[in-house]
Amino acid sequence: MKKIPIFLILVSALILTASCSSIPEKAEPVTNFQKDRYLGTWYEIARFDFKHERNMNNTIAQYSLNDDGSIRVLNSGYNYKEQKWKQAEGKAKFRGDETVAALKVSFFGPFYSGYNVIALDENYQYALVAGKDLDYLWILSRTPALPENIKNDYLKKAQEVGYDTSRFVWVAHDKKNPNLK
C-alpha cells in the first residue's frame, strides 16, 4: 500500500514537469538577452488564437519586476464580443541563465508554460515569442504598428521553426487600453 502514494507522487511530478514543456524543437531562444531592456509595455501585433485571448483586440503585455526577482506579467485587452476590458496577471521565471530568453510563465498557480523570445531586434522594439509548442506564437511591438520588413522577417523565422503562419490573428489597436499609463 505504501507504493501507491509514492507512485501517485511520481506521476504528479511527471505531469507537472510535462506541463512545463518549453520550446518547439526547431526554435532557439535569443542569447545575450537583457531582462531590464525587455521590461515595459508590448503591443500584441499578432497571435495564434487560443481560449484565453479569443475575441480580444487592443491587447498588450506589461512586464515589470516582482520583489522576488520574478517578472510580473499583466496581459490586458478588449473583448469585442462582451464589450469589456479584461486582464490577467501572472508571473514569469527564467528556466535557466537569465541571458537566455527561455522563460516559463504562469497565470494559474503552479502550472507553467514556455515563453521563449526567438527573435528580438537590437533595440528591443520588436519580438517574436514562441510558446511551448507549435500552437502558441506571438509577434510583439513597442508600438501598435509593425514595419513591413520586420513582419516579413518574423513570418519567415516562424515558418522555418515549423509554424503555420496562416493561423495568425492580426490584432486591431483601435481603442485606448486603460492599463496604459
Protein backbone atom coordinates (compact mmCIF):
# COMPACT_ATOMS: atom_id res chain seq x y z
CA MET A 1 0.00 0.00 0.00
CA LYS A 2 2.89 2.40 0.63
CA LYS A 3 3.92 2.06 -3.01
CA ILE A 4 0.67 3.60 -4.29
CA PRO A 5 1.20 7.05 -2.67
CA ILE A 6 4.81 7.13 -3.90
CA PHE A 7 3.62 6.15 -7.38
CA LEU A 8 1.00 8.94 -7.30
CA ILE A 9 3.62 11.48 -6.23
CA LEU A 10 5.92 10.42 -9.07
CA VAL A 11 3.11 10.57 -11.64
CA SER A 12 2.04 14.00 -10.35
CA ALA A 13 5.62 15.27 -10.60
CA LEU A 14 5.86 13.93 -14.14
CA ILE A 15 2.61 15.66 -15.14
CA LEU A 16 3.76 18.97 -13.65
CA THR A 17 7.10 18.68 -15.44
CA ALA A 18 5.39 17.83 -18.72
CA SER A 19 3.10 20.85 -18.37
CA CYS A 20 6.28 22.90 -18.39
CA SER A 21 7.37 21.71 -21.82
CA SER A 22 9.42 24.54 -23.00
CA ILE A 23 10.01 25.24 -26.67
CA PRO A 24 9.32 23.86 -30.15
CA GLU A 25 12.05 21.57 -31.45
CA LYS A 26 13.47 23.90 -34.14
CA ALA A 27 13.19 27.11 -32.10
CA GLU A 28 16.15 28.69 -30.32
CA PRO A 29 15.77 31.34 -27.62
CA VAL A 30 17.66 34.61 -28.02
CA THR A 31 21.02 34.73 -26.24
CA ASN A 32 22.71 37.79 -24.73
CA PHE A 33 19.22 38.69 -23.52
CA GLN A 34 18.91 41.71 -21.23
CA LYS A 35 15.90 41.35 -18.96
CA ASP A 36 15.81 45.04 -17.95
CA ARG A 37 15.58 46.14 -21.58
CA TYR A 38 12.68 43.75 -22.22
CA LEU A 39 10.57 45.05 -19.33
CA GLY A 40 7.78 47.53 -20.06
CA THR A 41 4.82 47.58 -22.41
CA TRP A 42 4.48 45.48 -25.56
CA TYR A 43 1.59 45.62 -28.03
CA GLU A 44 0.40 42.29 -29.34
CA ILE A 45 0.54 42.62 -33.12
CA ALA A 46 -0.39 39.04 -33.99
CA ARG A 47 -1.01 35.75 -32.19
CA PHE A 48 -2.21 32.24 -32.67
CA ASP A 49 -5.67 32.32 -31.18
CA PHE A 50 -6.43 30.32 -28.05
CA LYS A 51 -9.20 30.31 -25.49
CA HIS A 52 -7.73 32.89 -23.08
CA GLU A 53 -7.41 35.55 -25.80
CA ARG A 54 -10.31 34.65 -28.05
CA ASN A 55 -12.31 37.69 -29.25
CA MET A 56 -9.67 40.08 -27.89
CA ASN A 57 -8.24 43.17 -29.58
CA ASN A 58 -6.19 46.06 -28.25
CA THR A 59 -4.12 43.52 -26.34
CA ILE A 60 -0.95 44.49 -24.54
CA ALA A 61 1.52 42.77 -22.25
CA GLN A 62 3.25 44.69 -19.47
CA TYR A 63 6.32 43.26 -17.78
CA SER A 64 7.84 44.52 -14.53
CA LEU A 65 9.97 43.05 -11.76
CA ASN A 66 8.46 41.46 -8.68
CA ASP A 67 10.24 41.77 -5.32
CA ASP A 68 11.35 38.13 -5.54
CA GLY A 69 13.12 38.71 -8.88
CA SER A 70 10.44 37.05 -11.00
CA ILE A 71 8.73 39.04 -13.73
CA ARG A 72 5.20 40.34 -13.21
CA VAL A 73 3.10 39.79 -16.32
CA LEU A 74 -0.05 41.84 -16.85
CA ASN A 75 -1.92 40.99 -20.04
CA SER A 76 -4.96 43.02 -20.98
CA GLY A 77 -7.24 43.63 -23.91
CA TYR A 78 -10.74 44.40 -25.08
CA ASN A 79 -13.18 41.55 -25.62
CA TYR A 80 -15.20 42.90 -28.53
CA LYS A 81 -17.97 40.27 -28.15
CA GLU A 82 -18.55 41.00 -24.45
CA GLN A 83 -17.70 44.69 -24.97
CA LYS A 84 -15.48 44.93 -21.91
CA TRP A 85 -11.84 45.16 -20.92
CA LYS A 86 -10.20 42.11 -19.39
CA GLN A 87 -6.87 41.44 -17.78
CA ALA A 88 -4.88 38.54 -16.41
CA GLU A 89 -1.92 38.75 -14.05
CA GLY A 90 0.79 36.15 -13.89
CA LYS A 91 4.48 35.74 -13.37
CA ALA A 92 7.42 34.57 -15.41
CA LYS A 93 10.70 32.99 -14.38
CA PHE A 94 13.80 32.10 -16.32
CA ARG A 95 14.25 28.39 -16.91
CA GLY A 96 17.99 28.83 -16.57
CA ASP A 97 20.56 31.52 -17.32
CA GLU A 98 18.94 34.99 -17.44
CA THR A 99 20.94 35.88 -20.55
CA VAL A 100 18.94 33.27 -22.49
CA ALA A 101 15.37 34.34 -23.31
CA ALA A 102 13.87 31.00 -22.27
CA LEU A 103 11.25 31.57 -19.60
CA LYS A 104 8.22 29.90 -18.16
CA VAL A 105 5.05 31.82 -17.37
CA SER A 106 2.12 31.04 -15.11
CA PHE A 107 -1.32 32.56 -14.73
CA PHE A 108 -2.68 29.58 -12.79
CA GLY A 109 -0.75 28.72 -9.64
CA PRO A 110 1.93 26.07 -10.08
CA PHE A 111 1.23 25.45 -13.78
CA TYR A 112 3.80 26.99 -16.11
CA SER A 113 4.17 27.06 -19.86
CA GLY A 114 7.02 28.05 -22.15
CA TYR A 115 7.64 31.68 -23.09
CA ASN A 116 10.59 31.92 -25.46
CA VAL A 117 11.79 35.03 -27.25
CA ILE A 118 13.12 33.58 -30.52
CA ALA A 119 13.67 36.86 -32.38
CA LEU A 120 14.39 40.31 -31.00
CA ASP A 121 15.79 43.39 -32.68
CA GLU A 122 18.86 45.04 -31.16
CA ASN A 123 16.82 47.97 -29.85
CA TYR A 124 14.23 45.78 -28.08
CA GLN A 125 11.38 47.20 -30.14
CA TYR A 126 10.06 44.01 -31.80
CA ALA A 127 9.87 40.43 -30.56
CA LEU A 128 8.78 37.04 -31.83
CA VAL A 129 7.71 34.84 -28.92
CA ALA A 130 7.22 31.08 -29.15
CA GLY A 131 5.21 29.15 -26.63
CA LYS A 132 5.76 25.58 -25.55
CA ASP A 133 4.79 24.09 -28.92
CA LEU A 134 3.61 24.99 -32.41
CA ASP A 135 0.18 26.10 -31.12
CA TYR A 136 1.47 29.26 -29.41
CA LEU A 137 3.14 32.19 -31.15
CA TRP A 138 3.08 35.98 -30.78
CA ILE A 139 4.53 39.00 -32.56
CA LEU A 140 5.04 41.93 -30.18
CA SER A 141 6.00 45.55 -30.73
CA ARG A 142 6.61 48.57 -28.53
CA THR A 143 4.14 50.46 -30.73
CA PRO A 144 0.75 49.44 -32.19
CA ALA A 145 2.28 49.13 -35.67
CA LEU A 146 4.96 46.86 -37.11
CA PRO A 147 7.25 47.76 -40.04
CA GLU A 148 6.67 45.52 -43.06
CA ASN A 149 10.29 44.31 -43.16
CA ILE A 150 10.13 43.15 -39.52
CA LYS A 151 6.78 41.46 -40.18
CA ASN A 152 8.24 39.59 -43.16
CA ASP A 153 11.38 38.58 -41.24
CA TYR A 154 9.34 37.25 -38.33
CA LEU A 155 6.92 35.38 -40.58
CA LYS A 156 9.88 33.73 -42.32
CA LYS A 157 11.53 32.84 -38.99
CA ALA A 158 8.27 31.34 -37.68
CA GLN A 159 7.84 29.25 -40.84
CA GLU A 160 11.42 27.96 -40.51
CA VAL A 161 10.60 26.77 -36.98
CA GLY A 162 7.53 24.95 -38.34
CA TYR A 163 4.69 27.35 -37.55
CA ASP A 164 1.73 27.64 -39.93
CA THR A 165 1.65 31.45 -40.08
CA SER A 166 -1.73 31.46 -41.82
CA ARG A 167 -3.11 30.84 -38.30
CA PHE A 168 -2.10 34.32 -37.14
CA VAL A 169 -4.83 36.60 -35.83
CA TRP A 170 -3.77 40.17 -36.58
CA VAL A 171 -4.73 42.34 -33.63
CA ALA A 172 -6.54 45.66 -34.06
CA HIS A 173 -5.43 48.55 -31.85
CA ASP A 174 -8.34 50.95 -32.20
CA LYS A 175 -9.14 51.69 -28.54
CA LYS A 176 -7.00 53.15 -25.78
CA ASN A 177 -6.19 50.40 -23.31
CA PRO A 178 -6.96 51.70 -19.78
CA ASN A 179 -3.92 49.82 -18.46
CA LEU A 180 -1.56 52.04 -20.43
CA LYS A 181 -0.03 54.61 -18.14
